C-alpha atoms as a PDB file:
ATOM      1  CA  MET A   1      38.036  76.962 -56.328  1.00  0.00           C
ATOM      2  CA  ARG A   2      35.933  76.949 -59.606  1.00  0.00           C
ATOM      3  CA  SER A   3      35.703  81.034 -59.162  1.00  0.00           C
ATOM      4  CA  ALA A   4      39.454  81.108 -58.485  1.00  0.00           C
ATOM      5  CA  LEU A   5      40.280  78.907 -61.453  1.00  0.00           C
ATOM      6  CA  GLY A   6      37.982  80.854 -64.010  1.00  0.00           C
ATOM      7  CA  ARG A   7      39.410  84.205 -62.836  1.00  0.00           C
ATOM      8  CA  MET A   8      43.131  82.878 -63.654  1.00  0.00           C
ATOM      9  CA  ARG A   9      41.762  81.721 -67.098  1.00  0.00           C
ATOM     10  CA  ARG A  10      39.973  84.892 -67.969  1.00  0.00           C
ATOM     11  CA  GLY A  11      42.193  87.684 -66.366  1.00  0.00           C
ATOM     12  CA  GLY A  12      45.342  86.033 -66.563  1.00  0.00           C
ATOM     13  CA  GLY A  13      45.673  84.650 -69.859  1.00  0.00           C
ATOM     14  CA  LEU A  14      46.359  81.117 -68.543  1.00  0.00           C
ATOM     15  CA  PRO A  15      44.045  78.710 -70.758  1.00  0.00           C
ATOM     16  CA  ILE A  16      44.567  75.726 -68.314  1.00  0.00           C
ATOM     17  CA  ALA A  17      43.876  76.123 -64.620  1.00  0.00           C
ATOM     18  CA  PHE A  18      43.582  73.383 -61.814  1.00  0.00           C
ATOM     19  CA  GLY A  19      43.908  73.067 -58.174  1.00  0.00           C
ATOM     20  CA  GLY A  20      42.737  71.213 -54.878  1.00  0.00           C
ATOM     21  CA  LEU A  21      42.630  71.840 -51.142  1.00  0.00           C
ATOM     22  CA  PHE A  22      44.166  70.138 -48.299  1.00  0.00           C
ATOM     23  CA  GLU A  23      42.450  67.221 -46.545  1.00  0.00           C
ATOM     24  CA  GLY A  24      45.418  66.362 -44.277  1.00  0.00           C
ATOM     25  CA  THR A  25      48.654  67.919 -43.401  1.00  0.00           C
ATOM     26  CA  ARG A  26      51.226  67.256 -45.845  1.00  0.00           C
ATOM     27  CA  GLN A  27      49.093  66.578 -48.929  1.00  0.00           C
ATOM     28  CA  PHE A  28      46.193  67.280 -51.378  1.00  0.00           C
ATOM     29  CA  ARG A  29      44.772  65.926 -54.223  1.00  0.00           C
ATOM     30  CA  ILE A  30      43.814  67.916 -57.402  1.00  0.00           C
ATOM     31  CA  ALA A  31      39.867  68.167 -57.292  1.00  0.00           C
ATOM     32  CA  GLU A  32      39.148  70.660 -60.074  1.00  0.00           C
ATOM     33  CA  LEU A  33      40.174  70.979 -63.607  1.00  0.00           C
ATOM     34  CA  ALA A  34      39.518  73.975 -66.158  1.00  0.00           C
ATOM     35  CA  GLY A  35      40.745  74.062 -69.911  1.00  0.00           C
ATOM     36  CA  THR A  36      42.260  70.770 -69.683  1.00  0.00           C
ATOM     37  CA  ALA A  37      42.286  68.316 -72.666  1.00  0.00           C
ATOM     38  CA  THR A  38      42.355  64.857 -70.443  1.00  0.00           C
ATOM     39  CA  PRO A  39      41.423  64.085 -66.929  1.00  0.00           C
ATOM     40  CA  VAL A  40      45.040  62.662 -66.055  1.00  0.00           C
ATOM     41  CA  LEU A  41      45.623  65.438 -63.579  1.00  0.00           C
ATOM     42  CA  LEU A  42      42.229  64.764 -61.697  1.00  0.00           C
ATOM     43  CA  GLY A  43      42.819  63.039 -58.497  1.00  0.00           C
ATOM     44  CA  LEU A  44      46.552  63.399 -58.527  1.00  0.00           C
ATOM     45  CA  THR A  45      48.037  63.555 -54.978  1.00  0.00           C
ATOM     46  CA  ILE A  46      50.673  66.447 -54.404  1.00  0.00           C
ATOM     47  CA  THR A  47      52.797  65.830 -51.367  1.00  0.00           C
ATOM     48  CA  THR A  48      54.910  69.044 -49.663  1.00  0.00           C
ATOM     49  CA  GLY A  49      58.272  69.548 -51.455  1.00  0.00           C
ATOM     50  CA  ASN A  50      57.507  67.382 -54.385  1.00  0.00           C
ATOM     51  CA  GLY A  51      56.931  69.080 -57.919  1.00  0.00           C
ATOM     52  CA  LEU A  52      56.211  72.653 -58.547  1.00  0.00           C
ATOM     53  CA  GLY A  53      53.001  72.620 -56.442  1.00  0.00           C
ATOM     54  CA  GLY A  54      55.093  70.784 -53.693  1.00  0.00           C
ATOM     55  CA  LYS A  55      57.534  73.575 -53.732  1.00  0.00           C
ATOM     56  CA  ALA A  56      55.109  76.445 -53.788  1.00  0.00           C
ATOM     57  CA  MET A  57      53.711  74.775 -50.652  1.00  0.00           C
ATOM     58  CA  ALA A  58      57.364  74.355 -49.129  1.00  0.00           C
ATOM     59  CA  LEU A  59      58.018  77.883 -49.642  1.00  0.00           C
ATOM     60  CA  SER A  60      54.613  79.589 -49.108  1.00  0.00           C
ATOM     61  CA  ARG A  61      54.974  81.608 -52.139  1.00  0.00           C
ATOM     62  CA  PRO A  62      54.001  81.445 -55.875  1.00  0.00           C
ATOM     63  CA  VAL A  63      56.455  79.510 -58.025  1.00  0.00           C
ATOM     64  CA  TYR A  64      56.600  79.168 -61.943  1.00  0.00           C
ATOM     65  CA  VAL A  65      58.770  77.634 -64.475  1.00  0.00           C
ATOM     66  CA  SER A  66      58.928  78.405 -68.237  1.00  0.00           C
ATOM     67  CA  ASP A  67      59.289  74.649 -69.310  1.00  0.00           C
ATOM     68  CA  TYR A  68      58.260  72.265 -66.780  1.00  0.00           C
ATOM     69  CA  PRO A  69      59.947  69.134 -68.608  1.00  0.00           C
ATOM     70  CA  ALA A  70      63.527  70.754 -68.862  1.00  0.00           C
ATOM     71  CA  SER A  71      63.381  72.780 -65.151  1.00  0.00           C
ATOM     72  CA  ARG A  72      66.206  71.816 -62.967  1.00  0.00           C
ATOM     73  CA  VAL A  73      64.430  73.931 -59.726  1.00  0.00           C
ATOM     74  CA  ILE A  74      62.016  71.395 -59.304  1.00  0.00           C
ATOM     75  CA  SER A  75      61.792  67.651 -58.605  1.00  0.00           C
ATOM     76  CA  HIS A  76      59.969  65.665 -61.099  1.00  0.00           C
ATOM     77  CA  GLU A  77      57.544  63.247 -59.582  1.00  0.00           C
ATOM     78  CA  TYR A  78      54.725  64.150 -61.754  1.00  0.00           C
ATOM     79  CA  ASP A  79      56.455  64.475 -65.321  1.00  0.00           C
ATOM     80  CA  ALA A  80      54.251  61.481 -66.762  1.00  0.00           C
ATOM     81  CA  ALA A  81      50.847  63.495 -65.695  1.00  0.00           C
ATOM     82  CA  VAL A  82      52.407  66.766 -66.682  1.00  0.00           C
ATOM     83  CA  ALA A  83      53.379  65.212 -70.226  1.00  0.00           C
ATOM     84  CA  ALA A  84      50.143  63.599 -70.975  1.00  0.00           C
ATOM     85  CA  GLU A  85      48.394  67.005 -70.665  1.00  0.00           C
ATOM     86  CA  GLY A  86      51.186  68.467 -72.827  1.00  0.00           C
ATOM     87  CA  LEU A  87      51.712  71.245 -70.107  1.00  0.00           C
ATOM     88  CA  ARG A  88      55.143  73.603 -70.466  1.00  0.00           C
ATOM     89  CA  CYS A  89      54.739  76.724 -68.788  1.00  0.00           C
ATOM     90  CA  VAL A  90      53.071  76.181 -65.230  1.00  0.00           C
ATOM     91  CA  LEU A  91      52.540  78.478 -62.338  1.00  0.00           C
ATOM     92  CA  ALA A  92      51.629  77.264 -58.992  1.00  0.00           C
ATOM     93  CA  VAL A  93      50.165  79.710 -56.369  1.00  0.00           C
ATOM     94  CA  PRO A  94      49.385  78.439 -52.532  1.00  0.00           C
ATOM     95  CA  VAL A  95      46.498  79.420 -50.892  1.00  0.00           C
ATOM     96  CA  VAL A  96      47.192  80.632 -47.535  1.00  0.00           C
ATOM     97  CA  VAL A  97      44.914  81.054 -44.584  1.00  0.00           C
ATOM     98  CA  ARG A  98      45.918  81.927 -41.116  1.00  0.00           C
ATOM     99  CA  ARG A  99      49.549  81.105 -42.102  1.00  0.00           C
ATOM    100  CA  ARG A 100      48.681  77.792 -42.979  1.00  0.00           C
ATOM    101  CA  VAL A 101      49.049  76.458 -46.704  1.00  0.00           C
ATOM    102  CA  ARG A 102      45.370  75.332 -47.441  1.00  0.00           C
ATOM    103  CA  GLY A 103      45.797  74.250 -51.118  1.00  0.00           C
ATOM    104  CA  VAL A 104      47.517  75.208 -54.475  1.00  0.00           C
ATOM    105  CA  LEU A 105      46.210  77.066 -57.674  1.00  0.00           C
ATOM    106  CA  TYR A 106      48.041  76.191 -60.973  1.00  0.00           C
ATOM    107  CA  GLY A 107      47.630  77.820 -64.115  1.00  0.00           C
ATOM    108  CA  ALA A 108      49.604  76.527 -67.360  1.00  0.00           C
ATOM    109  CA  LEU A 109      50.268  76.900 -71.052  1.00  0.00           C
ATOM    110  CA  ARG A 110      51.065  74.393 -73.660  1.00  0.00           C
ATOM    111  CA  GLN A 111      54.248  76.321 -74.862  1.00  0.00           C
ATOM    112  CA  PRO A 112      57.391  77.068 -72.777  1.00  0.00           C
ATOM    113  CA  MET A 113      57.517  81.080 -72.186  1.00  0.00           C
ATOM    114  CA  ALA A 114      58.219  83.560 -69.472  1.00  0.00           C
ATOM    115  CA  LEU A 115      55.132  84.926 -67.503  1.00  0.00           C
ATOM    116  CA  GLY A 116      54.363  88.539 -67.267  1.00  0.00           C
ATOM    117  CA  ASP A 117      53.544  90.568 -64.147  1.00  0.00           C
ATOM    118  CA  ARG A 118      49.764  90.979 -65.118  1.00  0.00           C
ATOM    119  CA  THR A 119      49.511  87.044 -65.092  1.00  0.00           C
ATOM    120  CA  MET A 120      51.214  86.593 -61.890  1.00  0.00           C
ATOM    121  CA  SER A 121      49.314  89.473 -60.205  1.00  0.00           C
ATOM    122  CA  VAL A 122      45.921  87.669 -61.405  1.00  0.00           C
ATOM    123  CA  ALA A 123      46.941  84.448 -59.949  1.00  0.00           C
ATOM    124  CA  VAL A 124      47.924  85.945 -56.806  1.00  0.00           C
ATOM    125  CA  GLU A 125      44.546  87.983 -56.702  1.00  0.00           C
ATOM    126  CA  ALA A 126      42.453  84.756 -57.452  1.00  0.00           C
ATOM    127  CA  ALA A 127      44.261  82.912 -54.623  1.00  0.00           C
ATOM    128  CA  ARG A 128      43.516  85.671 -52.280  1.00  0.00           C
ATOM    129  CA  GLU A 129      39.974  85.620 -52.908  1.00  0.00           C
ATOM    130  CA  LEU A 130      39.690  81.986 -52.149  1.00  0.00           C
ATOM    131  CA  GLU A 131      41.812  82.484 -49.068  1.00  0.00           C
ATOM    132  CA  GLN A 132      39.214  85.123 -48.042  1.00  0.00           C
ATOM    133  CA  ALA A 133      36.457  82.633 -48.759  1.00  0.00           C
ATOM    134  CA  LEU A 134      38.156  79.846 -46.969  1.00  0.00           C
ATOM    135  CA  ALA A 135      38.698  82.068 -43.860  1.00  0.00           C
ATOM    136  CA  VAL A 136      34.670  83.101 -43.809  1.00  0.00           C
ATOM    137  CA  ARG A 137      33.962  79.460 -43.947  1.00  0.00           C
ATOM    138  CA  ASP A 138      36.185  78.256 -41.315  1.00  0.00           C
ATOM    139  CA  ALA A 139      34.872  81.213 -38.826  1.00  0.00           C
ATOM    140  CA  ALA A 140      31.262  80.016 -39.482  1.00  0.00           C
ATOM    141  CA  GLN A 141      32.129  76.442 -38.888  1.00  0.00           C
ATOM    142  CA  ASP A 142      33.949  77.642 -35.814  1.00  0.00           C
ATOM    143  CA  GLU A 143      30.964  79.691 -34.575  1.00  0.00           C
ATOM    144  CA  ALA A 144      28.532  76.751 -35.370  1.00  0.00           C
ATOM    145  CA  GLN A 145      30.361  74.573 -33.177  1.00  0.00           C
ATOM    146  CA  ARG A 146      30.628  77.299 -30.545  1.00  0.00           C
ATOM    147  CA  VAL A 147      26.864  77.683 -30.799  1.00  0.00           C
ATOM    148  CA  LEU A 148      26.109  73.827 -30.700  1.00  0.00           C
ATOM    149  CA  THR A 149      28.646  73.246 -27.584  1.00  0.00           C
ATOM    150  CA  ALA A 150      26.659  76.236 -25.781  1.00  0.00           C
ATOM    151  CA  ALA A 151      23.388  74.684 -26.589  1.00  0.00           C
ATOM    152  CA  ALA A 152      24.467  71.429 -25.133  1.00  0.00           C
ATOM    153  CA  ARG A 153      24.242  72.671 -21.555  1.00  0.00           C
ATOM    154  CA  PRO A 154      21.013  72.430 -19.948  1.00  0.00           C
ATOM    155  CA  PRO A 155      19.302  75.808 -20.190  1.00  0.00           C
ATOM    156  CA  GLU A 156      17.106  75.394 -17.347  1.00  0.00           C
ATOM    157  CA  ALA A 157      20.014  74.558 -15.118  1.00  0.00           C
ATOM    158  CA  ASP A 158      22.255  77.519 -16.760  1.00  0.00           C
ATOM    159  CA  PRO A 159      20.063  80.251 -17.959  1.00  0.00           C
ATOM    160  CA  ALA A 160      23.428  82.217 -18.931  1.00  0.00           C
ATOM    161  CA  ALA A 161      24.093  79.242 -21.191  1.00  0.00           C
ATOM    162  CA  TRP A 162      21.177  80.622 -23.519  1.00  0.00           C
ATOM    163  CA  GLU A 163      22.289  84.030 -23.714  1.00  0.00           C
ATOM    164  CA  GLU A 164      25.533  82.684 -25.110  1.00  0.00           C
ATOM    165  CA  VAL A 165      23.356  80.946 -27.604  1.00  0.00           C
ATOM    166  CA  ARG A 166      21.637  83.822 -28.581  1.00  0.00           C
ATOM    167  CA  ALA A 167      24.395  86.164 -29.062  1.00  0.00           C
ATOM    168  CA  ALA A 168      26.431  83.242 -31.020  1.00  0.00           C
ATOM    169  CA  HIS A 169      23.057  82.587 -32.868  1.00  0.00           C
ATOM    170  CA  GLY A 170      22.980  86.422 -33.897  1.00  0.00           C
ATOM    171  CA  GLU A 171      26.737  86.609 -35.110  1.00  0.00           C
ATOM    172  CA  LEU A 172      26.232  83.316 -37.232  1.00  0.00           C
ATOM    173  CA  ARG A 173      23.126  84.316 -38.762  1.00  0.00           C
ATOM    174  CA  ALA A 174      25.046  87.491 -39.813  1.00  0.00           C
ATOM    175  CA  LEU A 175      28.248  85.551 -40.881  1.00  0.00           C
ATOM    176  CA  ALA A 176      26.195  83.093 -42.870  1.00  0.00           C
ATOM    177  CA  GLN A 177      25.137  85.641 -45.371  1.00  0.00           C
ATOM    178  CA  ARG A 178      29.019  85.875 -46.299  1.00  0.00           C
ATOM    179  CA  VAL A 179      29.416  82.462 -47.014  1.00  0.00           C
ATOM    180  CA  HIS A 180      29.624  81.534 -50.633  1.00  0.00           C
ATOM    181  CA  ASP A 181      29.410  77.781 -50.260  1.00  0.00           C
ATOM    182  CA  GLN A 182      25.809  77.498 -50.813  1.00  0.00           C
ATOM    183  CA  LYS A 183      25.701  73.702 -49.203  1.00  0.00           C
ATOM    184  CA  LEU A 184      27.546  75.060 -46.044  1.00  0.00           C
ATOM    185  CA  ARG A 185      25.223  78.090 -45.980  1.00  0.00           C
ATOM    186  CA  HIS A 186      22.154  75.831 -46.087  1.00  0.00           C
ATOM    187  CA  ASP A 187      23.742  73.454 -43.341  1.00  0.00           C
ATOM    188  CA  LEU A 188      24.446  76.532 -41.159  1.00  0.00           C
ATOM    189  CA  LEU A 189      20.925  78.055 -41.373  1.00  0.00           C
ATOM    190  CA  ALA A 190      19.344  74.385 -40.551  1.00  0.00           C
ATOM    191  CA  VAL A 191      21.578  74.451 -37.399  1.00  0.00           C
ATOM    192  CA  LEU A 192      20.225  77.731 -36.439  1.00  0.00           C
ATOM    193  CA  GLY A 193      16.853  76.897 -37.199  1.00  0.00           C
ATOM    194  CA  ARG A 194      17.211  73.694 -34.590  1.00  0.00           C
ATOM    195  CA  LEU A 195      18.604  76.005 -32.181  1.00  0.00           C
ATOM    196  CA  ALA A 196      15.778  78.569 -32.331  1.00  0.00           C
ATOM    197  CA  THR A 197      12.811  76.014 -32.016  1.00  0.00           C
ATOM    198  CA  ALA A 198      14.782  74.443 -28.902  1.00  0.00           C
ATOM    199  CA  SER A 199      14.755  77.854 -27.183  1.00  0.00           C
ATOM    200  CA  PRO A 200      13.039  77.505 -23.583  1.00  0.00           C
ATOM    201  CA  GLU A 201      10.703  80.301 -24.547  1.00  0.00           C
ATOM    202  CA  ALA A 202       9.602  78.721 -27.720  1.00  0.00           C
ATOM    203  CA  ALA A 203       6.077  77.031 -27.807  1.00  0.00           C
ATOM    204  CA  PRO A 204       6.292  73.363 -28.388  1.00  0.00           C
ATOM    205  CA  PRO A 205       4.957  72.308 -31.895  1.00  0.00           C
ATOM    206  CA  PRO A 206       2.507  71.847 -33.051  1.00  0.00           C
ATOM    207  CA  ASP A 207       0.315  73.442 -29.837  1.00  0.00           C
ATOM    208  CA  ARG A 208       1.498  77.172 -29.955  1.00  0.00           C
ATOM    209  CA  ALA A 209       1.041  79.351 -27.388  1.00  0.00           C
ATOM    210  CA  PRO A 210      -2.801  80.643 -26.611  1.00  0.00           C
ATOM    211  CA  GLY A 211      -3.396  83.439 -29.333  1.00  0.00           C
ATOM    212  CA  LEU A 212      -0.233  83.106 -31.154  1.00  0.00           C
ATOM    213  CA  PRO A 213      -0.695  82.449 -34.665  1.00  0.00           C
ATOM    214  CA  SER A 214       1.626  80.464 -36.971  1.00  0.00           C
ATOM    215  CA  VAL A 215       4.016  83.374 -38.106  1.00  0.00           C
ATOM    216  CA  GLU A 216       6.594  82.978 -41.252  1.00  0.00           C
ATOM    217  CA  LEU A 217       9.452  85.682 -41.681  1.00  0.00           C
ATOM    218  CA  SER A 218      11.839  85.911 -44.336  1.00  0.00           C
ATOM    219  CA  PRO A 219      15.423  84.852 -43.628  1.00  0.00           C
ATOM    220  CA  ARG A 220      16.423  88.682 -43.552  1.00  0.00           C
ATOM    221  CA  GLU A 221      13.909  89.646 -41.432  1.00  0.00           C
ATOM    222  CA  VAL A 222      15.149  86.992 -38.811  1.00  0.00           C
ATOM    223  CA  ASP A 223      18.663  88.241 -39.586  1.00  0.00           C
ATOM    224  CA  VAL A 224      17.542  91.591 -38.555  1.00  0.00           C
ATOM    225  CA  LEU A 225      15.658  90.529 -35.384  1.00  0.00           C
ATOM    226  CA  ALA A 226      18.768  88.350 -34.503  1.00  0.00           C
ATOM    227  CA  CYS A 227      20.651  91.419 -34.289  1.00  0.00           C
ATOM    228  CA  VAL A 228      18.032  93.761 -32.512  1.00  0.00           C
ATOM    229  CA  ALA A 229      17.879  90.781 -29.837  1.00  0.00           C
ATOM    230  CA  SER A 230      21.433  91.172 -29.259  1.00  0.00           C
ATOM    231  CA  GLY A 231      21.183  94.921 -28.307  1.00  0.00           C
ATOM    232  CA  ALA A 232      22.317  96.008 -31.701  1.00  0.00           C
ATOM    233  CA  THR A 233      21.086  99.563 -33.092  1.00  0.00           C
ATOM    234  CA  ASN A 234      19.671  99.822 -36.500  1.00  0.00           C
ATOM    235  CA  ALA A 235      23.243 101.056 -37.999  1.00  0.00           C
ATOM    236  CA  THR A 236      25.078  98.380 -36.123  1.00  0.00           C
ATOM    237  CA  ALA A 237      22.547  95.535 -37.680  1.00  0.00           C
ATOM    238  CA  ALA A 238      23.257  97.215 -40.975  1.00  0.00           C
ATOM    239  CA  ASP A 239      26.943  96.918 -40.695  1.00  0.00           C
ATOM    240  CA  ARG A 240      26.896  93.292 -39.630  1.00  0.00           C
ATOM    241  CA  LEU A 241      24.423  92.336 -42.339  1.00  0.00           C
ATOM    242  CA  GLY A 242      26.011  94.427 -45.041  1.00  0.00           C
ATOM    243  CA  LEU A 243      22.591  96.429 -45.654  1.00  0.00           C
ATOM    244  CA  ARG A 244      21.779 100.218 -45.544  1.00  0.00           C
ATOM    245  CA  PRO A 245      20.159 101.486 -42.069  1.00  0.00           C
ATOM    246  CA  GLU A 246      16.724 102.239 -44.074  1.00  0.00           C
ATOM    247  CA  THR A 247      16.955  98.613 -45.217  1.00  0.00           C
ATOM    248  CA  VAL A 248      17.052  97.183 -41.481  1.00  0.00           C
ATOM    249  CA  LYS A 249      14.088  99.544 -40.812  1.00  0.00           C
ATOM    250  CA  SER A 250      12.088  98.266 -43.306  1.00  0.00           C
ATOM    251  CA  TYR A 251      12.927  94.568 -42.374  1.00  0.00           C
ATOM    252  CA  LEU A 252      12.029  95.330 -38.784  1.00  0.00           C
ATOM    253  CA  ARG A 253       8.741  97.068 -39.532  1.00  0.00           C
ATOM    254  CA  SER A 254       7.642  94.339 -41.741  1.00  0.00           C
ATOM    255  CA  SER A 255       8.581  91.831 -39.168  1.00  0.00           C
ATOM    256  CA  MET A 256       7.118  93.577 -36.218  1.00  0.00           C
ATOM    257  CA  ARG A 257       3.959  93.672 -38.492  1.00  0.00           C
ATOM    258  CA  LYS A 258       3.714  89.909 -38.994  1.00  0.00           C
ATOM    259  CA  LEU A 259       4.285  89.455 -35.442  1.00  0.00           C
ATOM    260  CA  GLY A 260       2.050  91.770 -34.048  1.00  0.00           C
ATOM    261  CA  ALA A 261       4.373  93.689 -32.163  1.00  0.00           C
ATOM    262  CA  HIS A 262       4.533  97.371 -31.314  1.00  0.00           C
ATOM    263  CA  THR A 263       7.963  97.646 -29.901  1.00  0.00           C
ATOM    264  CA  ARG A 264      11.513  96.123 -30.949  1.00  0.00           C
ATOM    265  CA  LEU A 265      11.457  94.091 -27.773  1.00  0.00           C
ATOM    266  CA  GLN A 266       7.773  92.763 -28.334  1.00  0.00           C
ATOM    267  CA  ALA A 267       9.081  91.552 -31.832  1.00  0.00           C
ATOM    268  CA  VAL A 268      12.092  89.818 -30.346  1.00  0.00           C
ATOM    269  CA  VAL A 269       9.641  87.991 -27.582  1.00  0.00           C
ATOM    270  CA  SER A 270       7.394  87.134 -30.033  1.00  0.00           C
ATOM    271  CA  ALA A 271       9.972  85.741 -32.365  1.00  0.00           C
ATOM    272  CA  ARG A 272      11.136  83.668 -29.649  1.00  0.00           C
ATOM    273  CA  ARG A 273       7.868  82.039 -28.762  1.00  0.00           C
ATOM    274  CA  ALA A 274       7.177  81.448 -32.372  1.00  0.00           C
ATOM    275  CA  GLY A 275      10.465  79.348 -32.502  1.00  0.00           C
ATOM    276  CA  LEU A 276      12.305  82.109 -34.630  1.00  0.00           C
ATOM    277  CA  LEU A 277      14.913  83.086 -32.364  1.00  0.00           C
ATOM    278  CA  PRO A 278      16.485  81.031 -29.682  1.00  0.00           C
END
């Protein structure tokens, strides 16, 4: 959200920007402000159909008014807050993911005026970037839930369940690298770490399998091994992780050396025993 608002201010010529994301189905609260003179807009609840943002939500398309107080095309439930901040020209762009409005980005000026095509384009592009980030976050959360659901099955009674966990683990590690939300990425990797140590092949800590030393791999080395464990080639792993094939080879060689493995399969087996992969 902050990145999207920053882009609207820098590239769109909108010195004031604010917005929020849905927590329910019909309304959201303005949670981020940029360039405002007062905090009056912070926490303001916007309901579908009400005001400029509510109209943008209802129509699922950008809407702007050149002079908010005088506009006859919107309702005026939020006039007091808008007047307190001194806003006149206001633009609202809905954030739509999977055909569902997830929030609204606003850009504003303190003088009445018509907005140009560039301003509109930059605002829409900012909303699209936020939509992509939310889509990635949703996919990561869905995948995490799928992993946890699969892991909840007793692996001793259903060996196939662990194969599903392992496949999902590899996909989720690759997906985690695309998540820009630092806290969400940290939480996802923490869940993946718990799954790895819960593997039926992992040696129970602190006693490891005889002759198996403590091994520490970098996150990227684990990412590559997770792809290899799913049967991916170096080229496929590179595509999933956004790396070059040569870089994948380098990570693979490094992890094999640390694990004392001579083949890809040995590296995967050793990583599982060390609690690095499920």
